[in-house]
Protein backbone atom coordinates (compact mmCIF):
# COMPACT_ATOMS: atom_id res chain seq x y z
CA MET A 1 0.17 0.08 0.14
CA ARG A 2 1.28 3.47 -0.97
CA ILE A 3 0.22 6.87 0.66
CA THR A 4 0.79 10.15 -0.23
CA THR A 5 -0.23 13.40 0.53
CA LYS A 6 -2.82 14.00 -2.03
CA ILE A 7 -4.69 10.59 -0.83
CA LEU A 8 -4.14 11.88 2.86
CA GLN A 9 -5.89 15.14 1.70
CA ALA A 10 -8.79 13.58 -0.10
CA ARG A 11 -9.35 11.36 2.96
CA ARG A 12 -9.38 14.66 5.06
CA ALA A 13 -6.91 14.00 7.06
CA CYS A 14 -6.20 16.92 9.84
CA LYS A 15 -3.40 19.27 8.01
CA HIS A 16 -1.21 19.21 10.48
CA GLN A 17 -0.81 15.70 10.19
CA VAL A 18 -0.68 16.03 6.72
CA LYS A 19 2.18 18.71 7.04
CA ILE A 20 4.17 16.36 9.21
CA PHE A 21 3.75 13.34 6.77
CA GLU A 22 4.89 15.46 4.04
CA ASP A 23 7.84 16.81 5.91
CA GLU A 24 8.71 13.03 6.35
CA TRP A 25 7.60 11.69 2.92
CA PRO A 26 7.53 14.46 0.57
CA ASP A 27 6.97 11.61 -2.20
CA GLY A 28 4.70 9.49 -0.40
CA CYS A 29 5.54 6.30 1.26
CA THR A 30 5.04 2.42 0.98
CA VAL A 31 3.67 1.31 4.06
CA SER A 32 6.06 -1.00 5.95
CA LEU A 33 6.64 -1.96 9.65
CA GLU A 34 9.37 0.86 9.49
CA THR A 35 7.43 3.65 8.26
CA ILE A 36 4.36 2.92 10.85
CA ARG A 37 6.89 3.07 13.80
CA ARG A 38 8.46 5.86 12.02
CA ALA A 39 5.04 7.50 11.77
CA GLN A 40 4.08 6.99 15.57
CA SER A 41 7.19 8.23 16.57
CA LEU A 42 6.53 11.57 14.77
CA ASN A 43 3.12 11.48 16.76
CA ILE A 44 0.93 10.69 13.56
CA THR A 45 -2.36 9.00 14.55
CA VAL A 46 -2.04 5.65 12.63
CA GLN A 47 -5.44 4.78 14.06
CA TRP A 48 -6.90 7.24 11.75
CA ALA A 49 -5.00 5.67 9.15
CA ALA A 50 -5.84 2.29 9.96
CA GLU A 51 -9.53 3.17 9.65
CA GLN A 52 -9.20 4.96 6.41
CA PHE A 53 -6.89 2.25 4.76
CA LEU A 54 -7.92 -1.10 5.93
CA LYS A 55 -10.89 -2.76 4.47
CA ASP A 56 -14.17 -4.28 6.17
CA LYS A 57 -12.46 -7.63 7.80
CA PHE A 58 -9.30 -6.13 8.17
CA LEU A 59 -10.28 -3.28 9.88
CA GLU A 60 -12.85 -5.29 12.10
CA ASN A 61 -10.16 -7.95 12.99
CA TYR A 62 -7.71 -4.88 13.87
CA VAL A 63 -10.03 -2.96 16.11
CA GLU A 64 -10.88 -5.99 17.87
CA ALA A 65 -6.93 -6.94 18.45
CA ARG A 66 -6.26 -3.50 18.84
CA ALA A 67 -9.15 -3.43 21.95
CA THR A 68 -7.07 -6.33 23.38
CA LEU A 69 -3.84 -5.02 22.88
CA TRP A 70 -5.02 -1.75 24.68
CA GLY A 71 -7.03 -3.68 27.53
CA ASP A 72 -3.72 -5.10 28.32
CA TYR A 73 -1.65 -2.12 28.38
CA GLU A 74 -4.56 -0.28 30.73
CA GLU A 75 -4.48 -3.29 33.16
CA ALA A 76 -0.58 -3.62 33.51
CA ARG A 77 -0.52 0.45 33.94
CA ALA A 78 -3.05 0.25 36.75
CA THR A 79 -0.92 -2.25 38.47
CA LEU A 80 2.09 -0.12 37.66
CA TRP A 81 0.54 2.90 38.93
CA SER A 82 -0.63 1.67 42.20
CA THR A 83 2.75 0.17 42.74
CA TYR A 84 3.72 3.73 42.36
CA VAL A 85 1.74 5.24 44.45
CA GLU A 86 2.04 2.67 47.25
CA ALA A 87 5.80 3.27 46.69
CA LEU A 88 5.59 7.43 46.64
CA ALA A 89 3.50 7.01 49.64
CA SER A 90 6.35 5.17 51.85
CA LEU A 91 8.82 7.58 50.70
CA LEU A 92 6.68 10.90 51.78
CA ARG A 93 6.18 8.76 54.92
CA ASP A 94 10.01 7.97 55.60
CA CYS A 95 10.58 11.50 54.24
CA GLY A 96 8.31 12.99 56.57
CA GLU A 97 9.86 11.05 59.75
CA ALA A 98 13.29 12.02 58.64
CA GLU A 99 12.57 15.65 58.76
CA ALA A 100 10.79 15.62 62.24
CA THR A 101 14.09 13.65 63.28
CA LEU A 102 16.25 16.39 61.76
CA LEU A 103 13.95 19.45 63.06
CA TRP A 104 14.20 17.70 66.76
CA GLU A 105 17.59 17.57 66.45
CA PHE A 106 18.13 21.16 65.09
CA VAL A 107 15.79 22.29 68.02
CA GLN A 108 17.87 20.32 71.02
CA LYS A 109 21.11 21.93 69.32
CA GLN A 110 19.46 25.28 69.51
CA ASP A 111 18.22 24.71 72.84
CA ARG A 112 21.77 23.74 74.31
CA ILE A 113 23.06 27.19 72.90
CA ASP A 114 20.09 29.62 74.21
CA SER A 115 20.34 27.84 77.75
């Protein structure tokens, strides 16, 4: 499959993304794993392209597989976020306790000097 700026414009792709595409591939490109990954790295919305260029059953299967992929991502992200929040709470608690001890040490030092 080959995609060009003209094709994207005819499909009413957003102007900003067409500009990024045109800057990267002024003569268009043949779709490959490499060009898809490059488009992703340029923040081109590849899902939009899939919806525009995949046909019927291929699009339906892609959408289903993508939903599973992103569902797995969300599940893993939720687990990681929970772990992060717990670790952060522990770190904040430890830092707070250390700060209390530090402040108490300085109060004691000052009291010794003042007395």
